[in-house]
Protein backbone atom coordinates (compact mmCIF):
# COMPACT_ATOMS: atom_id res chain seq x y z
CA MET A 1 100.82 61.73 129.68
CA SER A 2 104.13 62.95 131.01
CA ASP A 3 104.34 66.59 132.13
CA ASP A 4 107.17 67.25 129.69
CA VAL A 5 105.22 66.17 126.59
CA ILE A 6 102.62 68.26 124.81
CA ARG A 7 100.75 66.90 121.82
CA ILE A 8 100.04 69.51 119.18
CA ASN A 9 96.91 69.86 117.04
CA GLN A 10 94.77 66.77 117.40
CA GLY A 11 92.28 68.08 114.86
CA ASN A 12 90.58 71.37 114.13
CA VAL A 13 90.02 73.83 116.93
CA PRO A 14 86.24 74.08 117.53
CA ALA A 15 85.08 77.56 116.48
CA PHE A 16 82.95 79.72 118.78
CA ASN A 17 80.73 82.42 117.32
CA GLY A 18 79.84 84.08 120.62
CA SER A 19 76.29 82.71 120.80
CA ALA A 20 75.23 81.95 124.39
CA GLN A 21 73.07 79.06 123.18
CA ASN A 22 76.13 77.42 121.57
CA PHE A 23 78.52 77.99 124.47
CA GLN A 24 78.02 74.69 126.35
CA MET A 25 78.50 72.59 123.23
CA TRP A 26 81.54 74.63 122.19
CA TRP A 27 83.13 74.54 125.67
CA THR A 28 82.69 70.76 125.88
CA LYS A 29 84.35 70.31 122.49
CA PHE A 30 87.07 72.85 123.21
CA SER A 31 87.84 71.17 126.55
CA ALA A 32 88.17 67.83 124.78
CA PHE A 33 90.43 69.43 122.16
CA ALA A 34 92.56 70.93 124.95
CA MET A 35 92.82 67.56 126.67
CA LEU A 36 93.89 65.77 123.48
CA SER A 37 96.31 68.57 122.64
CA GLY A 38 97.90 68.53 126.10
CA PHE A 39 96.99 71.98 127.39
CA ALA A 40 93.85 71.29 129.44
CA ASP A 41 95.63 72.48 132.62
CA ALA A 42 96.00 75.93 131.08
CA ILE A 43 92.24 76.49 130.71
CA GLU A 44 91.21 75.48 134.21
CA GLU A 45 89.42 78.07 136.34
CA ASP A 46 92.35 78.19 138.78
CA PRO A 47 95.64 79.18 137.16
CA ASP A 48 98.33 76.54 136.79
CA PRO A 49 100.53 76.97 139.89
CA MET A 50 103.61 76.22 137.78
CA LEU A 51 102.97 79.18 135.47
CA PRO A 52 105.50 81.90 136.38
CA ILE A 53 104.30 85.36 137.42
CA SER A 54 105.31 86.76 134.06
CA MET A 55 106.58 85.70 130.66
CA SER A 56 109.90 87.38 131.44
CA SER A 57 110.42 85.62 134.79
CA LYS A 58 113.86 84.11 135.07
CA ILE A 59 113.65 80.33 135.10
CA GLU A 60 116.60 78.47 136.53
CA ASP A 61 117.89 75.78 134.20
CA ASP A 62 118.32 72.10 135.00
CA THR A 63 115.78 71.83 137.80
CA GLU A 64 112.57 69.87 137.94
CA GLU A 65 110.65 73.05 138.79
CA ALA A 66 112.16 74.85 135.76
CA ALA A 67 111.08 72.02 133.49
CA ARG A 68 107.53 72.20 134.87
CA GLN A 69 107.45 75.98 134.47
CA LYS A 70 108.55 75.69 130.84
CA VAL A 71 105.79 73.15 130.20
CA ALA A 72 103.22 75.45 131.88
CA ILE A 73 104.36 78.34 129.66
CA ARG A 74 104.06 76.17 126.56
CA LYS A 75 100.57 75.00 127.58
CA ASN A 76 99.52 78.63 128.07
CA GLU A 77 100.87 79.48 124.62
CA HIS A 78 98.85 76.63 123.09
CA ALA A 79 95.71 77.73 124.91
CA ILE A 80 95.99 81.38 123.89
CA SER A 81 96.78 80.40 120.30
CA SER A 82 93.78 78.08 120.20
CA PHE A 83 91.45 80.72 121.64
CA THR A 84 92.76 83.21 119.08
CA ILE A 85 92.14 80.80 116.20
CA GLU A 86 88.68 79.68 117.25
CA PHE A 87 87.04 82.95 118.27
CA THR A 88 85.19 84.15 115.18
CA LYS A 89 83.56 87.39 116.37
CA GLU A 90 84.99 90.71 117.52
CA GLY A 91 83.30 90.39 120.91
CA THR A 92 84.83 87.02 121.72
CA MET A 93 88.23 88.10 120.35
CA GLN A 94 88.18 90.84 122.98
CA LEU A 95 88.61 88.08 125.58
CA VAL A 96 92.02 87.32 124.07
CA VAL A 97 92.89 91.02 123.87
CA LYS A 98 91.94 91.51 127.55
CA SER A 99 94.13 88.55 128.57
CA LYS A 100 97.22 90.44 127.36
CA THR A 101 99.03 92.24 130.14
CA LYS A 102 102.46 93.70 130.81
CA GLU A 103 103.36 90.39 132.47
CA TRP A 104 101.88 88.26 129.67
CA PRO A 105 102.02 90.33 126.45
CA LYS A 106 100.83 87.38 124.34
CA GLY A 107 98.04 86.62 126.82
CA ALA A 108 97.38 84.36 129.79
CA ALA A 109 94.76 81.66 129.42
């Protein structure tokens, strides 16, 4: 898949109810969903190096790096949106709330 293409919604986002015994199954399914949807890079343990320092970072137009940064931002948006949709308990939703910072007001995956 090209870096400038992101597929959107390849099925339902797997829901997670916060149960530790269900985590491994959910994470495996969510990782597959992320891969099919084109945002697997955004949920890796190490942050995507192309993701700017903040949502408001100025991105120069018409450069290869700018194009990659825009894709990284879009992947992060897909990841945060998917986490928000699939977390079904207050405790797990707090993970999304805690990911919101001054730099990333909508959250950073």
